[in-house]
Amino acid sequence: MTIAPQVAAAGFTPYQYAVCLGGIAWRETLRFLHQRERFVAALVRPLVWLFVFAAGFRQVLGLSITPPYETYVLYEVYVVPGLIAMVQLFNGMQSSLSMVYDREMGNMRMLLVSPFPRGYLLICKLLASTAVSLLQVYAFLLISRLYGIDAPAWGYLAVLPALVLNGLMLGALGMLLSSLVNQLENFAGVMNFVIFPMLFASSALYPLWLVQQSSPLLSLICQFNPLTWGIELIRFALYLQVNWLALAAVCGSAVVFTAAAVLAYDPARGLIAHRGA
């Protein structure tokens, strides 16, 4: 598609920006639909924790009454928000892996040389990846509800903004990491180096007060982990409450990671320029 010089000079209309966003989102949706094993793998990981590990930990780990819960809860109930964040974390890294692949194959170069602002293209990619993660999360919530883990009916709708913010934060983090990797085969090691420390040093699998009792240092690390606040934001939203500290931390982290990713992909000043990509 050729854009007239006067249009390029004057800037794009909102409709043209919307068409660009729709095209990138449609491409991500088609890729997701064609990669059915990716959808299955995204659900297998949290379901293994829910069906296997949570059943064993139920008798070992007792949970007292802590907000947002108003009574004692089983371990399966506590761990669901953390497993939701796990789904979004892995999706963000998978989306970044596809960016590395597209960069090697040339598709990303074709996208980034379009007349649209590069930052807008990256944000469109981030929004499309977040939308895909929402499909995976709600599929997991449906299975967990059939398993007997219920949340307030309105909680499934109230949690949507928290899921969007958390997805944007984790997707932007993955996008930033993708700018650091030259080759596709190196990204798997980077993913493992980031995913598992973030997951286990968070409140995904155990409450922070329990971590504080065993290791104050680990508890401090968990509090500086952005994934912890994403999990707490989801946990409170699922029960129709707002954790304002978590909301501020997730929004701030999302802005910082997104700005850093856009800067890293800047051909003049970013990491892509320094690597000569």
Protein backbone atom coordinates (compact mmCIF):
# COMPACT_ATOMS: atom_id res chain seq x y z
CA MET A 1 0.00 0.00 0.00
CA THR A 2 1.49 3.34 -1.14
CA ILE A 3 0.88 6.41 0.97
CA ALA A 4 0.86 9.74 -0.78
CA PRO A 5 3.67 12.11 0.24
CA GLN A 6 1.21 14.82 1.33
CA VAL A 7 -0.61 12.30 3.61
CA ALA A 8 2.66 11.12 5.14
CA ALA A 9 3.75 14.72 5.69
CA ALA A 10 0.46 15.77 7.24
CA GLY A 11 0.19 12.74 9.47
CA PHE A 12 -2.32 9.91 9.66
CA THR A 13 -5.99 10.07 10.47
CA PRO A 14 -7.47 8.18 13.45
CA TYR A 15 -9.05 5.77 10.97
CA GLN A 16 -5.65 4.92 9.48
CA TYR A 17 -4.22 4.33 12.93
CA ALA A 18 -7.18 2.07 13.70
CA VAL A 19 -6.63 0.12 10.46
CA CYS A 20 -2.98 -0.38 11.42
CA LEU A 21 -3.95 -1.63 14.88
CA GLY A 22 -6.58 -3.93 13.41
CA GLY A 23 -4.13 -5.40 10.92
CA ILE A 24 -1.52 -6.20 13.55
CA ALA A 25 -4.16 -7.60 15.92
CA TRP A 26 -5.62 -9.76 13.15
CA ARG A 27 -2.15 -11.11 12.31
CA GLU A 28 -1.53 -12.03 15.95
CA THR A 29 -4.95 -13.67 16.20
CA LEU A 30 -4.35 -15.77 13.09
CA ARG A 31 -0.95 -16.82 14.40
CA PHE A 32 -2.52 -17.82 17.69
CA LEU A 33 -5.31 -19.80 16.00
CA HIS A 34 -2.84 -21.63 13.77
CA GLN A 35 -0.63 -22.54 16.74
CA ARG A 36 -3.10 -24.68 18.70
CA GLU A 37 -0.30 -26.34 20.63
CA ARG A 38 0.58 -22.90 22.03
CA PHE A 39 -2.94 -22.58 23.45
CA VAL A 40 -2.80 -26.06 24.93
CA ALA A 41 0.65 -25.49 26.42
CA ALA A 42 -0.52 -22.21 27.95
CA LEU A 43 -3.25 -24.09 29.83
CA VAL A 44 -1.28 -27.21 30.75
CA ARG A 45 1.21 -25.40 32.99
CA PRO A 46 -1.28 -23.71 35.33
CA LEU A 47 -3.63 -26.70 35.31
CA VAL A 48 -0.81 -29.00 36.47
CA TRP A 49 -0.22 -26.65 39.41
CA LEU A 50 -3.94 -26.46 40.12
CA PHE A 51 -4.76 -30.17 39.87
CA VAL A 52 -1.52 -31.74 41.12
CA PHE A 53 0.61 -29.43 43.25
CA ALA A 54 -2.26 -27.58 44.89
CA ALA A 55 -3.86 -30.86 45.94
CA GLY A 56 -0.65 -31.86 47.73
CA PHE A 57 0.03 -28.46 49.27
CA ARG A 58 -3.52 -28.20 50.62
CA GLN A 59 -2.62 -30.35 53.63
CA VAL A 60 0.74 -28.66 54.19
CA LEU A 61 0.09 -24.96 53.65
CA GLY A 62 -2.59 -23.37 55.78
CA LEU A 63 -3.86 -19.93 54.84
CA SER A 64 -5.21 -17.51 57.42
CA ILE A 65 -7.82 -14.85 56.72
CA THR A 66 -6.04 -12.17 54.70
CA PRO A 67 -7.50 -9.57 52.32
CA PRO A 68 -9.27 -9.90 49.97
CA TYR A 69 -10.52 -13.17 51.45
CA GLU A 70 -13.13 -12.90 54.20
CA THR A 71 -12.72 -16.45 55.46
CA TYR A 72 -10.21 -19.28 55.41
CA VAL A 73 -9.54 -20.47 51.87
CA LEU A 74 -8.08 -23.60 50.39
CA TYR A 75 -4.72 -23.45 48.70
CA GLU A 76 -6.37 -23.98 45.30
CA VAL A 77 -8.38 -20.79 45.77
CA TYR A 78 -5.32 -18.80 46.80
CA VAL A 79 -3.15 -19.97 43.92
CA VAL A 80 -5.57 -19.17 41.07
CA PRO A 81 -4.55 -15.46 40.68
CA GLY A 82 -0.90 -16.50 40.59
CA LEU A 83 -1.64 -19.07 37.91
CA ILE A 84 -3.47 -16.42 35.90
CA ALA A 85 -0.35 -14.27 36.06
CA MET A 86 1.68 -17.33 35.03
CA VAL A 87 -0.43 -17.63 31.88
CA GLN A 88 0.15 -13.97 31.04
CA LEU A 89 3.86 -14.15 31.84
CA PHE A 90 4.43 -17.09 29.52
CA ASN A 91 2.29 -15.46 26.82
CA GLY A 92 4.32 -12.26 27.03
CA MET A 93 7.53 -14.23 26.59
CA GLN A 94 6.08 -16.29 23.74
CA SER A 95 5.02 -13.12 21.96
CA SER A 96 8.52 -11.71 22.39
CA LEU A 97 9.94 -14.96 21.02
CA SER A 98 7.84 -14.43 17.90
CA MET A 99 9.33 -10.93 17.60
CA VAL A 100 12.84 -12.39 17.59
CA TYR A 101 11.74 -14.91 14.96
CA ASP A 102 10.11 -12.21 12.83
CA ARG A 103 13.25 -10.10 13.10
CA GLU A 104 15.40 -12.98 11.84
CA MET A 105 12.99 -13.83 9.01
CA GLY A 106 12.62 -10.21 7.94
CA ASN A 107 8.93 -9.74 8.80
CA MET A 108 9.68 -7.40 11.68
CA ARG A 109 11.95 -5.27 9.50
CA MET A 110 9.15 -4.89 6.96
CA LEU A 111 6.79 -3.80 9.72
CA LEU A 112 9.15 -1.33 11.35
CA VAL A 113 10.03 0.46 8.09
CA SER A 114 6.36 1.36 7.52
CA PRO A 115 5.54 5.11 7.66
CA PHE A 116 3.69 4.71 10.95
CA PRO A 117 5.61 5.76 14.08
CA ARG A 118 7.72 2.90 15.37
CA GLY A 119 6.51 3.36 18.92
CA TYR A 120 2.90 3.08 17.78
CA LEU A 121 3.65 -0.16 15.91
CA LEU A 122 5.25 -1.68 18.99
CA ILE A 123 2.31 -0.63 21.16
CA CYS A 124 -0.07 -2.21 18.62
CA LYS A 125 1.93 -5.41 18.86
CA LEU A 126 1.75 -5.18 22.66
CA LEU A 127 -2.03 -4.66 22.65
CA ALA A 128 -2.55 -7.60 20.29
CA SER A 129 -0.43 -9.86 22.50
CA THR A 130 -2.41 -8.78 25.57
CA ALA A 131 -5.69 -9.58 23.80
CA VAL A 132 -4.43 -13.09 23.05
CA SER A 133 -3.48 -13.57 26.71
CA LEU A 134 -7.03 -12.64 27.75
CA LEU A 135 -8.41 -15.54 25.72
CA GLN A 136 -6.06 -17.93 27.50
CA VAL A 137 -6.84 -16.52 30.94
CA TYR A 138 -10.61 -16.79 30.58
CA ALA A 139 -10.28 -20.33 29.26
CA PHE A 140 -8.30 -21.16 32.42
CA LEU A 141 -10.89 -19.43 34.62
CA LEU A 142 -13.64 -21.47 32.98
CA ILE A 143 -11.81 -24.73 33.69
CA SER A 144 -11.05 -23.71 37.28
CA ARG A 145 -14.72 -22.84 37.83
CA LEU A 146 -15.75 -26.26 36.51
CA TYR A 147 -13.20 -27.71 38.93
CA GLY A 148 -15.10 -26.05 41.79
CA ILE A 149 -13.10 -22.88 42.40
CA ASP A 150 -15.65 -20.09 42.35
CA ALA A 151 -15.25 -16.34 42.51
CA PRO A 152 -17.99 -13.69 42.70
CA ALA A 153 -19.88 -13.61 39.40
CA TRP A 154 -19.08 -9.94 38.84
CA GLY A 155 -15.46 -10.63 39.68
CA TYR A 156 -14.89 -12.23 36.28
CA LEU A 157 -15.79 -8.90 34.69
CA ALA A 158 -14.15 -6.68 37.32
CA VAL A 159 -10.84 -8.48 36.85
CA LEU A 160 -10.66 -7.54 33.15
CA PRO A 161 -8.92 -4.14 33.63
CA ALA A 162 -6.40 -5.78 35.97
CA LEU A 163 -5.71 -8.47 33.36
CA VAL A 164 -5.19 -5.84 30.68
CA LEU A 165 -2.75 -3.85 32.81
CA ASN A 166 -0.84 -6.94 33.88
CA GLY A 167 -0.72 -8.23 30.31
CA LEU A 168 0.64 -4.90 29.07
CA MET A 169 3.29 -4.84 31.80
CA LEU A 170 4.52 -8.38 31.14
CA GLY A 171 4.28 -8.01 27.37
CA ALA A 172 6.35 -4.83 27.50
CA LEU A 173 8.93 -6.60 29.65
CA GLY A 174 9.16 -9.42 27.11
CA MET A 175 9.43 -6.90 24.27
CA LEU A 176 12.30 -5.19 26.06
CA LEU A 177 14.07 -8.53 26.51
CA SER A 178 13.61 -9.37 22.83
CA SER A 179 15.62 -6.27 21.93
CA LEU A 180 18.58 -7.71 23.88
CA VAL A 181 18.72 -11.00 21.96
CA ASN A 182 20.43 -11.38 18.62
CA GLN A 183 19.47 -14.94 17.75
CA LEU A 184 16.37 -17.04 18.26
CA GLU A 185 18.16 -19.90 20.02
CA ASN A 186 19.49 -17.55 22.71
CA PHE A 187 16.05 -16.35 23.74
CA ALA A 188 15.04 -19.64 25.39
CA GLY A 189 17.79 -19.20 27.98
CA VAL A 190 16.76 -15.60 28.59
CA MET A 191 13.14 -16.68 29.06
CA ASN A 192 14.08 -19.25 31.70
CA PHE A 193 16.37 -16.77 33.42
CA VAL A 194 13.47 -14.29 33.73
CA ILE A 195 10.32 -16.42 34.05
CA PHE A 196 11.19 -18.76 36.89
CA PRO A 197 12.88 -16.24 39.22
CA MET A 198 9.97 -13.84 38.73
CA LEU A 199 7.41 -16.58 39.32
CA PHE A 200 8.92 -18.16 42.41
CA ALA A 201 10.02 -14.86 43.97
CA SER A 202 6.46 -13.55 44.01
CA SER A 203 3.18 -14.11 45.80
CA ALA A 204 1.98 -16.51 43.09
CA LEU A 205 2.40 -19.73 45.05
CA TYR A 206 2.59 -18.57 48.68
CA PRO A 207 1.57 -15.44 50.59
CA LEU A 208 4.19 -12.84 51.44
CA TRP A 209 3.57 -13.09 55.18
CA LEU A 210 4.65 -16.74 55.00
CA VAL A 211 7.79 -15.78 53.06
CA GLN A 212 8.53 -13.08 55.66
CA GLN A 213 8.54 -15.66 58.43
CA SER A 214 11.11 -17.86 56.71
CA SER A 215 13.26 -15.34 54.84
CA PRO A 216 13.02 -11.55 55.27
CA LEU A 217 15.47 -11.07 52.39
CA LEU A 218 13.35 -13.14 50.00
CA SER A 219 10.28 -11.25 51.16
CA LEU A 220 11.98 -7.97 50.28
CA ILE A 221 12.87 -9.32 46.83
CA CYS A 222 9.26 -10.39 46.31
CA GLN A 223 8.06 -6.88 47.14
CA PHE A 224 10.32 -5.41 44.45
CA ASN A 225 9.11 -7.97 41.91
CA PRO A 226 6.55 -6.34 39.56
CA LEU A 227 4.86 -9.70 39.05
CA THR A 228 3.94 -9.75 42.75
CA TRP A 229 1.93 -6.56 42.36
CA GLY A 230 0.34 -7.81 39.16
CA ILE A 231 -0.83 -10.91 41.02
CA GLU A 232 -2.19 -8.89 43.93
CA LEU A 233 -4.00 -6.55 41.56
CA ILE A 234 -5.68 -9.56 39.93
CA ARG A 235 -6.42 -11.20 43.29
CA PHE A 236 -8.22 -8.16 44.70
CA ALA A 237 -10.05 -7.36 41.45
CA LEU A 238 -11.35 -10.93 41.25
CA TYR A 239 -13.07 -10.31 44.59
CA LEU A 240 -14.40 -6.85 43.65
CA GLN A 241 -11.75 -4.89 45.53
CA VAL A 242 -8.95 -2.52 44.50
CA ASN A 243 -5.41 -2.75 45.79
CA TRP A 244 -4.27 0.81 45.12
CA LEU A 245 -0.60 0.12 45.83
CA ALA A 246 -0.62 -2.78 43.36
CA LEU A 247 -2.43 -0.63 40.79
CA ALA A 248 0.19 2.10 41.05
CA ALA A 249 3.07 -0.40 40.87
CA VAL A 250 1.67 -2.19 37.80
CA CYS A 251 0.86 1.04 35.96
CA GLY A 252 4.28 2.48 36.72
CA SER A 253 6.08 -0.71 35.66
CA ALA A 254 4.04 -0.92 32.45
CA VAL A 255 4.94 2.65 31.51
CA VAL A 256 8.65 2.14 32.29
CA PHE A 257 8.91 -1.18 30.41
CA THR A 258 6.99 0.15 27.40
CA ALA A 259 9.10 3.31 27.17
CA ALA A 260 12.29 1.28 27.51
CA ALA A 261 11.15 -1.17 24.79
CA VAL A 262 10.26 1.65 22.38
CA LEU A 263 13.63 3.28 23.05
CA ALA A 264 15.45 -0.04 22.62
CA TYR A 265 13.86 -0.51 19.19
CA ASP A 266 14.75 3.03 18.12
CA PRO A 267 16.99 2.66 15.04
CA ALA A 268 19.02 5.75 15.96
CA ARG A 269 19.48 5.44 19.73
CA GLY A 270 18.30 2.02 20.89
CA LEU A 271 19.91 -1.33 21.41
CA ILE A 272 18.91 -2.40 17.90
CA ALA A 273 21.03 0.42 16.50
CA HIS A 274 24.06 -0.52 18.63
CA ARG A 275 23.84 -4.13 17.43
CA GLY A 276 23.51 -3.00 13.83
CA ALA A 277 20.26 -4.92 13.33
